[in-house]
Amino acid sequence: ALILILLYLSCSYPITGNNFYGGGGYGLFTMLLIYIIARYCGKYIPY
């Protein structure tokens, strides 16, 4: 649920040209999003 919320906040940019944070992804917010996704995958999706 946390990942879905962060995706919504960050990933509307490609479609609308605007988003809550991150612009084109050049910043901390998007990198934190990807890090959290990766932590989830490392915990639940080994392969």
ModelCIF file with pLDDT and N, C-alpha, C, O atoms, coordinates in Angstrom:
data_MODEL
#
_entry.id   MODEL 
#
_entity.id                         1 
_entity.type                       polymer 
_entity.pdbx_number_of_molecules   1 
#
_entity_poly.entity_id                      1 
_entity_poly.type                           'polypeptide(L)' 
_entity_poly.nstd_linkage                   no 
_entity_poly.nstd_monomer                   no 
_entity_poly.pdbx_seq_one_letter_code       ALILILLYLSCSYPITGNNFYGGGGYGLFTMLLIYIIARYCGKYIPY 
_entity_poly.pdbx_seq_one_letter_code_can   ALILILLYLSCSYPITGNNFYGGGGYGLFTMLLIYIIARYCGKYIPY 
_entity_poly.pdbx_strand_id                 A 
#
loop_
_entity_poly_seq.entity_id 
_entity_poly_seq.num 
_entity_poly_seq.mon_id 
_entity_poly_seq.hetero 
1 1  ALA n 
1 2  LEU n 
1 3  ILE n 
1 4  LEU n 
1 5  ILE n 
1 6  LEU n 
1 7  LEU n 
1 8  TYR n 
1 9  LEU n 
1 10 SER n 
1 11 CYS n 
1 12 SER n 
1 13 TYR n 
1 14 PRO n 
1 15 ILE n 
1 16 THR n 
1 17 GLY n 
1 18 ASN n 
1 19 ASN n 
1 20 PHE n 
1 21 TYR n 
1 22 GLY n 
1 23 GLY n 
1 24 GLY n 
1 25 GLY n 
1 26 TYR n 
1 27 GLY n 
1 28 LEU n 
1 29 PHE n 
1 30 THR n 
1 31 MET n 
1 32 LEU n 
1 33 LEU n 
1 34 ILE n 
1 35 TYR n 
1 36 ILE n 
1 37 ILE n 
1 38 ALA n 
1 39 ARG n 
1 40 TYR n 
1 41 CYS n 
1 42 GLY n 
1 43 LYS n 
1 44 TYR n 
1 45 ILE n 
1 46 PRO n 
1 47 TYR n 
#
_struct_asym.id          A 
_struct_asym.entity_id   1 
#
loop_
_ma_qa_metric.id 
_ma_qa_metric.mode 
_ma_qa_metric.name 
_ma_qa_metric.software_group_id 
_ma_qa_metric.type 
1 global pLDDT . pLDDT 
2 local  pLDDT . pLDDT 
#
_ma_qa_metric_global.metric_id      1 
_ma_qa_metric_global.metric_value   84.26 
_ma_qa_metric_global.model_id       1 
_ma_qa_metric_global.ordinal_id     1 
#
loop_
_ma_qa_metric_local.label_asym_id 
_ma_qa_metric_local.label_comp_id 
_ma_qa_metric_local.label_seq_id 
_ma_qa_metric_local.metric_id 
_ma_qa_metric_local.metric_value 
_ma_qa_metric_local.model_id 
_ma_qa_metric_local.ordinal_id 
A ALA 1  2 94.00 1 1  
A LEU 2  2 93.00 1 2  
A ILE 3  2 93.00 1 3  
A LEU 4  2 92.00 1 4  
A ILE 5  2 90.00 1 5  
A LEU 6  2 89.00 1 6  
A LEU 7  2 87.00 1 7  
A TYR 8  2 84.00 1 8  
A LEU 9  2 83.00 1 9  
A SER 10 2 81.00 1 10 
A CYS 11 2 78.00 1 11 
A SER 12 2 74.00 1 12 
A TYR 13 2 68.00 1 13 
A PRO 14 2 67.00 1 14 
A ILE 15 2 68.00 1 15 
A THR 16 2 68.00 1 16 
A GLY 17 2 65.00 1 17 
A ASN 18 2 66.00 1 18 
A ASN 19 2 63.00 1 19 
A PHE 20 2 64.00 1 20 
A TYR 21 2 63.00 1 21 
A GLY 22 2 56.00 1 22 
A GLY 23 2 65.00 1 23 
A GLY 24 2 75.00 1 24 
A GLY 25 2 81.00 1 25 
A TYR 26 2 86.00 1 26 
A GLY 27 2 86.00 1 27 
A LEU 28 2 90.00 1 28 
A PHE 29 2 90.00 1 29 
A THR 30 2 91.00 1 30 
A MET 31 2 94.00 1 31 
A LEU 32 2 94.00 1 32 
A LEU 33 2 94.00 1 33 
A ILE 34 2 96.00 1 34 
A TYR 35 2 97.00 1 35 
A ILE 36 2 97.00 1 36 
A ILE 37 2 97.00 1 37 
A ALA 38 2 97.00 1 38 
A ARG 39 2 96.00 1 39 
A TYR 40 2 96.00 1 40 
A CYS 41 2 96.00 1 41 
A GLY 42 2 94.00 1 42 
A LYS 43 2 93.00 1 43 
A TYR 44 2 94.00 1 44 
A ILE 45 2 93.00 1 45 
A PRO 46 2 92.00 1 46 
A TYR 47 2 90.00 1 47 
#
loop_
_atom_site.group_PDB 
_atom_site.id 
_atom_site.type_symbol 
_atom_site.label_atom_id 
_atom_site.label_alt_id 
_atom_site.label_comp_id 
_atom_site.label_asym_id 
_atom_site.label_entity_id 
_atom_site.label_seq_id 
_atom_site.pdbx_PDB_ins_code 
_atom_site.Cartn_x 
_atom_site.Cartn_y 
_atom_site.Cartn_z 
_atom_site.occupancy 
_atom_site.B_iso_or_equiv 
_atom_site.pdbx_formal_charge 
_atom_site.auth_seq_id 
_atom_site.auth_comp_id 
_atom_site.auth_asym_id 
_atom_site.auth_atom_id 
_atom_site.pdbx_PDB_model_num 
ATOM 1   N N  . ALA A 1 1  ? 0.837  -1.211  0.000   1.00 94.00 ? 1  ALA A N  1 
ATOM 2   C CA . ALA A 1 1  ? 0.000  0.000   0.000   1.00 94.00 ? 1  ALA A CA 1 
ATOM 3   C C  . ALA A 1 1  ? 0.867  1.254   0.000   1.00 94.00 ? 1  ALA A C  1 
ATOM 4   O O  . ALA A 1 1  ? 0.565  2.224   -0.695  1.00 94.00 ? 1  ALA A O  1 
ATOM 5   N N  . LEU A 1 2  ? 1.945  1.232   0.781   1.00 93.00 ? 2  LEU A N  1 
ATOM 6   C CA . LEU A 1 2  ? 2.876  2.368   0.813   1.00 93.00 ? 2  LEU A CA 1 
ATOM 7   C C  . LEU A 1 2  ? 3.478  2.610   -0.568  1.00 93.00 ? 2  LEU A C  1 
ATOM 8   O O  . LEU A 1 2  ? 3.585  3.755   -1.009  1.00 93.00 ? 2  LEU A O  1 
ATOM 9   N N  . ILE A 1 3  ? 3.871  1.538   -1.250  1.00 93.00 ? 3  ILE A N  1 
ATOM 10  C CA . ILE A 1 3  ? 4.469  1.652   -2.585  1.00 93.00 ? 3  ILE A CA 1 
ATOM 11  C C  . ILE A 1 3  ? 3.459  2.239   -3.578  1.00 93.00 ? 3  ILE A C  1 
ATOM 12  O O  . ILE A 1 3  ? 3.809  3.096   -4.388  1.00 93.00 ? 3  ILE A O  1 
ATOM 13  N N  . LEU A 1 4  ? 2.219  1.778   -3.512  1.00 92.00 ? 4  LEU A N  1 
ATOM 14  C CA . LEU A 1 4  ? 1.183  2.289   -4.417  1.00 92.00 ? 4  LEU A CA 1 
ATOM 15  C C  . LEU A 1 4  ? 0.949  3.786   -4.202  1.00 92.00 ? 4  LEU A C  1 
ATOM 16  O O  . LEU A 1 4  ? 0.780  4.536   -5.163  1.00 92.00 ? 4  LEU A O  1 
ATOM 17  N N  . ILE A 1 5  ? 0.941  4.216   -2.938  1.00 90.00 ? 5  ILE A N  1 
ATOM 18  C CA . ILE A 1 5  ? 0.770  5.638   -2.640  1.00 90.00 ? 5  ILE A CA 1 
ATOM 19  C C  . ILE A 1 5  ? 1.928  6.452   -3.194  1.00 90.00 ? 5  ILE A C  1 
ATOM 20  O O  . ILE A 1 5  ? 1.724  7.497   -3.812  1.00 90.00 ? 5  ILE A O  1 
ATOM 21  N N  . LEU A 1 6  ? 3.154  5.963   -2.968  1.00 89.00 ? 6  LEU A N  1 
ATOM 22  C CA . LEU A 1 6  ? 4.335  6.672   -3.457  1.00 89.00 ? 6  LEU A CA 1 
ATOM 23  C C  . LEU A 1 6  ? 4.384  6.700   -4.983  1.00 89.00 ? 6  LEU A C  1 
ATOM 24  O O  . LEU A 1 6  ? 4.808  7.688   -5.581  1.00 89.00 ? 6  LEU A O  1 
ATOM 25  N N  . LEU A 1 7  ? 3.945  5.600   -5.606  1.00 87.00 ? 7  LEU A N  1 
ATOM 26  C CA . LEU A 1 7  ? 3.886  5.565   -7.067  1.00 87.00 ? 7  LEU A CA 1 
ATOM 27  C C  . LEU A 1 7  ? 2.913  6.621   -7.592  1.00 87.00 ? 7  LEU A C  1 
ATOM 28  O O  . LEU A 1 7  ? 3.199  7.307   -8.573  1.00 87.00 ? 7  LEU A O  1 
ATOM 29  N N  . TYR A 1 8  ? 1.774  6.742   -6.937  1.00 84.00 ? 8  TYR A N  1 
ATOM 30  C CA . TYR A 1 8  ? 0.791  7.753   -7.346  1.00 84.00 ? 8  TYR A CA 1 
ATOM 31  C C  . TYR A 1 8  ? 1.365  9.160   -7.200  1.00 84.00 ? 8  TYR A C  1 
ATOM 32  O O  . TYR A 1 8  ? 1.186  10.008  -8.074  1.00 84.00 ? 8  TYR A O  1 
ATOM 33  N N  . LEU A 1 9  ? 2.058  9.396   -6.080  1.00 83.00 ? 9  LEU A N  1 
ATOM 34  C CA . LEU A 1 9  ? 2.617  10.722  -5.829  1.00 83.00 ? 9  LEU A CA 1 
ATOM 35  C C  . LEU A 1 9  ? 3.723  11.071  -6.821  1.00 83.00 ? 9  LEU A C  1 
ATOM 36  O O  . LEU A 1 9  ? 3.902  12.240  -7.163  1.00 83.00 ? 9  LEU A O  1 
ATOM 37  N N  . SER A 1 10 ? 4.465  10.065  -7.284  1.00 81.00 ? 10 SER A N  1 
ATOM 38  C CA . SER A 1 10 ? 5.638  10.325  -8.121  1.00 81.00 ? 10 SER A CA 1 
ATOM 39  C C  . SER A 1 10 ? 5.406  10.103  -9.606  1.00 81.00 ? 10 SER A C  1 
ATOM 40  O O  . SER A 1 10 ? 5.963  10.823  -10.435 1.00 81.00 ? 10 SER A O  1 
ATOM 41  N N  . CYS A 1 11 ? 4.586  9.112   -9.950  1.00 78.00 ? 11 CYS A N  1 
ATOM 42  C CA . CYS A 1 11 ? 4.586  8.614   -11.332 1.00 78.00 ? 11 CYS A CA 1 
ATOM 43  C C  . CYS A 1 11 ? 3.485  9.171   -12.224 1.00 78.00 ? 11 CYS A C  1 
ATOM 44  O O  . CYS A 1 11 ? 3.276  8.667   -13.327 1.00 78.00 ? 11 CYS A O  1 
ATOM 45  N N  . SER A 1 12 ? 2.780  10.195  -11.771 1.00 74.00 ? 12 SER A N  1 
ATOM 46  C CA . SER A 1 12 ? 1.794  10.823  -12.657 1.00 74.00 ? 12 SER A CA 1 
ATOM 47  C C  . SER A 1 12 ? 2.466  11.732  -13.682 1.00 74.00 ? 12 SER A C  1 
ATOM 48  O O  . SER A 1 12 ? 1.844  12.137  -14.664 1.00 74.00 ? 12 SER A O  1 
ATOM 49  N N  . TYR A 1 13 ? 3.749  12.051  -13.445 1.00 68.00 ? 13 TYR A N  1 
ATOM 50  C CA . TYR A 1 13 ? 4.468  12.994  -14.308 1.00 68.00 ? 13 TYR A CA 1 
ATOM 51  C C  . TYR A 1 13 ? 4.478  12.595  -15.783 1.00 68.00 ? 13 TYR A C  1 
ATOM 52  O O  . TYR A 1 13 ? 4.192  13.443  -16.628 1.00 68.00 ? 13 TYR A O  1 
ATOM 53  N N  . PRO A 1 14 ? 4.796  11.331  -16.138 1.00 67.00 ? 14 PRO A N  1 
ATOM 54  C CA . PRO A 1 14 ? 4.843  10.998  -17.562 1.00 67.00 ? 14 PRO A CA 1 
ATOM 55  C C  . PRO A 1 14 ? 3.539  11.254  -18.307 1.00 67.00 ? 14 PRO A C  1 
ATOM 56  O O  . PRO A 1 14 ? 3.555  11.564  -19.498 1.00 67.00 ? 14 PRO A O  1 
ATOM 57  N N  . ILE A 1 15 ? 2.402  11.126  -17.608 1.00 68.00 ? 15 ILE A N  1 
ATOM 58  C CA . ILE A 1 15 ? 1.110  11.295  -18.270 1.00 68.00 ? 15 ILE A CA 1 
ATOM 59  C C  . ILE A 1 15 ? 0.665  12.753  -18.271 1.00 68.00 ? 15 ILE A C  1 
ATOM 60  O O  . ILE A 1 15 ? 0.246  13.277  -19.303 1.00 68.00 ? 15 ILE A O  1 
ATOM 61  N N  . THR A 1 16 ? 0.756  13.408  -17.118 1.00 68.00 ? 16 THR A N  1 
ATOM 62  C CA . THR A 1 16 ? 0.207  14.754  -16.974 1.00 68.00 ? 16 THR A CA 1 
ATOM 63  C C  . THR A 1 16 ? 1.235  15.870  -17.111 1.00 68.00 ? 16 THR A C  1 
ATOM 64  O O  . THR A 1 16 ? 0.885  17.015  -17.396 1.00 68.00 ? 16 THR A O  1 
ATOM 65  N N  . GLY A 1 17 ? 2.510  15.529  -16.905 1.00 65.00 ? 17 GLY A N  1 
ATOM 66  C CA . GLY A 1 17 ? 3.544  16.553  -16.905 1.00 65.00 ? 17 GLY A CA 1 
ATOM 67  C C  . GLY A 1 17 ? 3.691  17.222  -15.556 1.00 65.00 ? 17 GLY A C  1 
ATOM 68  O O  . GLY A 1 17 ? 4.530  18.106  -15.380 1.00 65.00 ? 17 GLY A O  1 
ATOM 69  N N  . ASN A 1 18 ? 2.873  16.800  -14.599 1.00 66.00 ? 18 ASN A N  1 
ATOM 70  C CA . ASN A 1 18 ? 2.937  17.331  -13.239 1.00 66.00 ? 18 ASN A CA 1 
ATOM 71  C C  . ASN A 1 18 ? 2.835  16.178  -12.246 1.00 66.00 ? 18 ASN A C  1 
ATOM 72  O O  . ASN A 1 18 ? 2.286  15.124  -12.566 1.00 66.00 ? 18 ASN A O  1 
ATOM 73  N N  . ASN A 1 19 ? 3.366  16.379  -11.038 1.00 63.00 ? 19 ASN A N  1 
ATOM 74  C CA . ASN A 1 19 ? 3.204  15.413  -9.963  1.00 63.00 ? 19 ASN A CA 1 
ATOM 75  C C  . ASN A 1 19 ? 3.434  16.100  -8.630  1.00 63.00 ? 19 ASN A C  1 
ATOM 76  O O  . ASN A 1 19 ? 3.784  17.279  -8.572  1.00 63.00 ? 19 ASN A O  1 
ATOM 77  N N  . PHE A 1 20 ? 3.235  15.353  -7.572  1.00 64.00 ? 20 PHE A N  1 
ATOM 78  C CA . PHE A 1 20 ? 3.390  15.933  -6.238  1.00 64.00 ? 20 PHE A CA 1 
ATOM 79  C C  . PHE A 1 20 ? 4.860  16.225  -5.936  1.00 64.00 ? 20 PHE A C  1 
ATOM 80  O O  . PHE A 1 20 ? 5.199  17.280  -5.399  1.00 64.00 ? 20 PHE A O  1 
ATOM 81  N N  . TYR A 1 21 ? 5.730  15.269  -6.292  1.00 63.00 ? 21 TYR A N  1 
ATOM 82  C CA . TYR A 1 21 ? 7.145  15.396  -5.980  1.00 63.00 ? 21 TYR A CA 1 
ATOM 83  C C  . TYR A 1 21 ? 7.972  14.825  -7.123  1.00 63.00 ? 21 TYR A C  1 
ATOM 84  O O  . TYR A 1 21 ? 7.491  14.006  -7.906  1.00 63.00 ? 21 TYR A O  1 
ATOM 85  N N  . GLY A 1 22 ? 9.211  15.265  -7.206  1.00 56.00 ? 22 GLY A N  1 
ATOM 86  C CA . GLY A 1 22 ? 10.182 14.539  -8.021  1.00 56.00 ? 22 GLY A CA 1 
ATOM 87  C C  . GLY A 1 22 ? 10.375 15.020  -9.436  1.00 56.00 ? 22 GLY A C  1 
ATOM 88  O O  . GLY A 1 22 ? 11.355 14.633  -10.073 1.00 56.00 ? 22 GLY A O  1 
ATOM 89  N N  . GLY A 1 23 ? 9.464  15.867  -9.975  1.00 65.00 ? 23 GLY A N  1 
ATOM 90  C CA . GLY A 1 23 ? 9.661  16.306  -11.350 1.00 65.00 ? 23 GLY A CA 1 
ATOM 91  C C  . GLY A 1 23 ? 9.830  15.130  -12.285 1.00 65.00 ? 23 GLY A C  1 
ATOM 92  O O  . GLY A 1 23 ? 8.956  14.269  -12.378 1.00 65.00 ? 23 GLY A O  1 
ATOM 93  N N  . GLY A 1 24 ? 10.964 15.094  -12.982 1.00 75.00 ? 24 GLY A N  1 
ATOM 94  C CA . GLY A 1 24 ? 11.256 13.992  -13.887 1.00 75.00 ? 24 GLY A CA 1 
ATOM 95  C C  . GLY A 1 24 ? 12.004 12.858  -13.232 1.00 75.00 ? 24 GLY A C  1 
ATOM 96  O O  . GLY A 1 24 ? 12.572 12.008  -13.917 1.00 75.00 ? 24 GLY A O  1 
ATOM 97  N N  . GLY A 1 25 ? 12.011 12.834  -11.909 1.00 81.00 ? 25 GLY A N  1 
ATOM 98  C CA . GLY A 1 25 ? 12.678 11.740  -11.194 1.00 81.00 ? 25 GLY A CA 1 
ATOM 99  C C  . GLY A 1 25 ? 14.094 12.048  -10.787 1.00 81.00 ? 25 GLY A C  1 
ATOM 100 O O  . GLY A 1 25 ? 14.775 11.197  -10.216 1.00 81.00 ? 25 GLY A O  1 
ATOM 101 N N  . TYR A 1 26 ? 14.561 13.278  -11.077 1.00 86.00 ? 26 TYR A N  1 
ATOM 102 C CA . TYR A 1 26 ? 15.932 13.661  -10.728 1.00 86.00 ? 26 TYR A CA 1 
ATOM 103 C C  . TYR A 1 26 ? 15.980 14.154  -9.279  1.00 86.00 ? 26 TYR A C  1 
ATOM 104 O O  . TYR A 1 26 ? 16.116 15.352  -9.029  1.00 86.00 ? 26 TYR A O  1 
ATOM 105 N N  . GLY A 1 27 ? 15.871 13.241  -8.348  1.00 86.00 ? 27 GLY A N  1 
ATOM 106 C CA . GLY A 1 27 ? 15.917 13.692  -6.969  1.00 86.00 ? 27 GLY A CA 1 
ATOM 107 C C  . GLY A 1 27 ? 15.725 12.579  -5.974  1.00 86.00 ? 27 GLY A C  1 
ATOM 108 O O  . GLY A 1 27 ? 15.582 11.410  -6.334  1.00 86.00 ? 27 GLY A O  1 
ATOM 109 N N  . LEU A 1 28 ? 15.725 12.965  -4.710  1.00 90.00 ? 28 LEU A N  1 
ATOM 110 C CA . LEU A 1 28 ? 15.671 12.019  -3.607  1.00 90.00 ? 28 LEU A CA 1 
ATOM 111 C C  . LEU A 1 28 ? 14.362 11.238  -3.573  1.00 90.00 ? 28 LEU A C  1 
ATOM 112 O O  . LEU A 1 28 ? 14.371 10.040  -3.290  1.00 90.00 ? 28 LEU A O  1 
ATOM 113 N N  . PHE A 1 29 ? 13.245 11.887  -3.854  1.00 90.00 ? 29 PHE A N  1 
ATOM 114 C CA . PHE A 1 29 ? 11.946 11.231  -3.692  1.00 90.00 ? 29 PHE A CA 1 
ATOM 115 C C  . PHE A 1 29 ? 11.830 9.974   -4.553  1.00 90.00 ? 29 PHE A C  1 
ATOM 116 O O  . PHE A 1 29 ? 11.443 8.914   -4.062  1.00 90.00 ? 29 PHE A O  1 
ATOM 117 N N  . THR A 1 30 ? 12.163 10.096  -5.828  1.00 91.00 ? 30 THR A N  1 
ATOM 118 C CA . THR A 1 30 ? 12.061 8.946   -6.727  1.00 91.00 ? 30 THR A CA 1 
ATOM 119 C C  . THR A 1 30 ? 13.039 7.850   -6.331  1.00 91.00 ? 30 THR A C  1 
ATOM 120 O O  . THR A 1 30 ? 12.706 6.668   -6.408  1.00 91.00 ? 30 THR A O  1 
ATOM 121 N N  . MET A 1 31 ? 14.253 8.230   -5.904  1.00 94.00 ? 31 MET A N  1 
ATOM 122 C CA . MET A 1 31 ? 15.236 7.228   -5.498  1.00 94.00 ? 31 MET A CA 1 
ATOM 123 C C  . MET A 1 31 ? 14.782 6.492   -4.238  1.00 94.00 ? 31 MET A C  1 
ATOM 124 O O  . MET A 1 31 ? 15.028 5.295   -4.096  1.00 94.00 ? 31 MET A O  1 
ATOM 125 N N  . LEU A 1 32 ? 14.114 7.210   -3.315  1.00 94.00 ? 32 LEU A N  1 
ATOM 126 C CA . LEU A 1 32 ? 13.552 6.562   -2.126  1.00 94.00 ? 32 LEU A CA 1 
ATOM 127 C C  . LEU A 1 32 ? 12.440 5.588   -2.517  1.00 94.00 ? 32 LEU A C  1 
ATOM 128 O O  . LEU A 1 32 ? 12.338 4.494   -1.961  1.00 94.00 ? 32 LEU A O  1 
ATOM 129 N N  . LEU A 1 33 ? 11.620 5.992   -3.465  1.00 94.00 ? 33 LEU A N  1 
ATOM 130 C CA . LEU A 1 33 ? 10.554 5.116   -3.959  1.00 94.00 ? 33 LEU A CA 1 
ATOM 131 C C  . LEU A 1 33 ? 11.131 3.811   -4.492  1.00 94.00 ? 33 LEU A C  1 
ATOM 132 O O  . LEU A 1 33 ? 10.654 2.729   -4.150  1.00 94.00 ? 33 LEU A O  1 
ATOM 133 N N  . ILE A 1 34 ? 12.151 3.916   -5.325  1.00 96.00 ? 34 ILE A N  1 
ATOM 134 C CA . ILE A 1 34 ? 12.754 2.718   -5.917  1.00 96.00 ? 34 ILE A CA 1 
ATOM 135 C C  . ILE A 1 34 ? 13.430 1.866   -4.840  1.00 96.00 ? 34 ILE A C  1 
ATOM 136 O O  . ILE A 1 34 ? 13.381 0.638   -4.893  1.00 96.00 ? 34 ILE A O  1 
ATOM 137 N N  . TYR A 1 35 ? 14.055 2.518   -3.871  1.00 97.00 ? 35 TYR A N  1 
ATOM 138 C CA . TYR A 1 35 ? 14.696 1.783   -2.779  1.00 97.00 ? 35 TYR A CA 1 
ATOM 139 C C  . TYR A 1 35 ? 13.657 0.979   -1.993  1.00 97.00 ? 35 TYR A C  1 
ATOM 140 O O  . TYR A 1 35 ? 13.904 -0.175  -1.642  1.00 97.00 ? 35 TYR A O  1 
ATOM 141 N N  . ILE A 1 36 ? 12.508 1.579   -1.717  1.00 97.00 ? 36 ILE A N  1 
ATOM 142 C CA . ILE A 1 36 ? 11.454 0.887   -0.972  1.00 97.00 ? 36 ILE A CA 1 
ATOM 143 C C  . ILE A 1 36 ? 10.881 -0.273  -1.780  1.00 97.00 ? 36 ILE A C  1 
ATOM 144 O O  . ILE A 1 36 ? 10.629 -1.346  -1.233  1.00 97.00 ? 36 ILE A O  1 
ATOM 145 N N  . ILE A 1 37 ? 10.675 -0.059  -3.079  1.00 97.00 ? 37 ILE A N  1 
ATOM 146 C CA . ILE A 1 37 ? 10.226 -1.155  -3.953  1.00 97.00 ? 37 ILE A CA 1 
ATOM 147 C C  . ILE A 1 37 ? 11.223 -2.309  -3.901  1.00 97.00 ? 37 ILE A C  1 
ATOM 148 O O  . ILE A 1 37 ? 10.837 -3.475  -3.816  1.00 97.00 ? 37 ILE A O  1 
ATOM 149 N N  . ALA A 1 38 ? 12.499 -1.970  -3.951  1.00 97.00 ? 38 ALA A N  1 
ATOM 150 C CA . ALA A 1 38 ? 13.550 -2.987  -3.938  1.00 97.00 ? 38 ALA A CA 1 
ATOM 151 C C  . ALA A 1 38 ? 13.599 -3.729  -2.603  1.00 97.00 ? 38 ALA A C  1 
ATOM 152 O O  . ALA A 1 38 ? 13.823 -4.939  -2.578  1.00 97.00 ? 38 ALA A O  1 
ATOM 153 N N  . ARG A 1 39 ? 13.390 -3.007  -1.478  1.00 96.00 ? 39 ARG A N  1 
ATOM 154 C CA . ARG A 1 39 ? 13.354 -3.666  -0.180  1.00 96.00 ? 39 ARG A CA 1 
ATOM 155 C C  . ARG A 1 39 ? 12.201 -4.671  -0.130  1.00 96.00 ? 39 ARG A C  1 
ATOM 156 O O  . ARG A 1 39 ? 12.340 -5.773  0.400   1.00 96.00 ? 39 ARG A O  1 
ATOM 157 N N  . TYR A 1 40 ? 11.067 -4.267  -0.691  1.00 96.00 ? 40 TYR A N  1 
ATOM 158 C CA . TYR A 1 40 ? 9.913  -5.173  -0.757  1.00 96.00 ? 40 TYR A CA 1 
ATOM 159 C C  . TYR A 1 40 ? 10.256 -6.424  -1.571  1.00 96.00 ? 40 TYR A C  1 
ATOM 160 O O  . TYR A 1 40 ? 9.968  -7.548  -1.158  1.00 96.00 ? 40 TYR A O  1 
ATOM 161 N N  . CYS A 1 41 ? 10.871 -6.207  -2.726  1.00 96.00 ? 41 CYS A N  1 
ATOM 162 C CA . CYS A 1 41 ? 11.241 -7.337  -3.587  1.00 96.00 ? 41 CYS A CA 1 
ATOM 163 C C  . CYS A 1 41 ? 12.278 -8.239  -2.910  1.00 96.00 ? 41 CYS A C  1 
ATOM 164 O O  . CYS A 1 41 ? 12.198 -9.464  -3.002  1.00 96.00 ? 41 CYS A O  1 
ATOM 165 N N  . GLY A 1 42 ? 13.246 -7.624  -2.233  1.00 94.00 ? 42 GLY A N  1 
ATOM 166 C CA . GLY A 1 42 ? 14.258 -8.400  -1.538  1.00 94.00 ? 42 GLY A CA 1 
ATOM 167 C C  . GLY A 1 42 ? 13.670 -9.259  -0.437  1.00 94.00 ? 42 GLY A C  1 
ATOM 168 O O  . GLY A 1 42 ? 14.198 -10.327 -0.127  1.00 94.00 ? 42 GLY A O  1 
ATOM 169 N N  . LYS A 1 43 ? 12.581 -8.799  0.153   1.00 93.00 ? 43 LYS A N  1 
ATOM 170 C CA . LYS A 1 43 ? 11.949 -9.523  1.257   1.00 93.00 ? 43 LYS A CA 1 
ATOM 171 C C  . LYS A 1 43 ? 10.975 -10.592 0.775   1.00 93.00 ? 43 LYS A C  1 
ATOM 172 O O  . LYS A 1 43 ? 10.865 -11.655 1.386   1.00 93.00 ? 43 LYS A O  1 
ATOM 173 N N  . TYR A 1 44 ? 10.262 -10.311 -0.330  1.00 94.00 ? 44 TYR A N  1 
ATOM 174 C CA . TYR A 1 44 ? 9.172  -11.198 -0.732  1.00 94.00 ? 44 TYR A CA 1 
ATOM 175 C C  . TYR A 1 44 ? 9.339  -11.836 -2.116  1.00 94.00 ? 44 TYR A C  1 
ATOM 176 O O  . TYR A 1 44 ? 8.679  -12.832 -2.413  1.00 94.00 ? 44 TYR A O  1 
ATOM 177 N N  . ILE A 1 45 ? 10.209 -11.279 -2.966  1.00 93.00 ? 45 ILE A N  1 
ATOM 178 C CA . ILE A 1 45 ? 10.321 -11.800 -4.344  1.00 93.00 ? 45 ILE A CA 1 
ATOM 179 C C  . ILE A 1 45 ? 11.787 -12.088 -4.660  1.00 93.00 ? 45 ILE A C  1 
ATOM 180 O O  . ILE A 1 45 ? 12.444 -11.257 -5.287  1.00 93.00 ? 45 ILE A O  1 
ATOM 181 N N  . PRO A 1 46 ? 12.318 -13.231 -4.247  1.00 92.00 ? 46 PRO A N  1 
ATOM 182 C CA . PRO A 1 46 ? 13.738 -13.524 -4.483  1.00 92.00 ? 46 PRO A CA 1 
ATOM 183 C C  . PRO A 1 46 ? 14.066 -13.742 -5.964  1.00 92.00 ? 46 PRO A C  1 
ATOM 184 O O  . PRO A 1 46 ? 15.161 -13.395 -6.408  1.00 92.00 ? 46 PRO A O  1 
ATOM 185 N N  . TYR A 1 47 ? 13.143 -14.305 -6.723  1.00 90.00 ? 47 TYR A N  1 
ATOM 186 C CA . TYR A 1 47 ? 13.386 -14.580 -8.149  1.00 90.00 ? 47 TYR A CA 1 
ATOM 187 C C  . TYR A 1 47 ? 12.109 -14.354 -8.950  1.00 90.00 ? 47 TYR A C  1 
ATOM 188 O O  . TYR A 1 47 ? 12.105 -14.531 -10.168 1.00 90.00 ? 47 TYR A O  1 
#
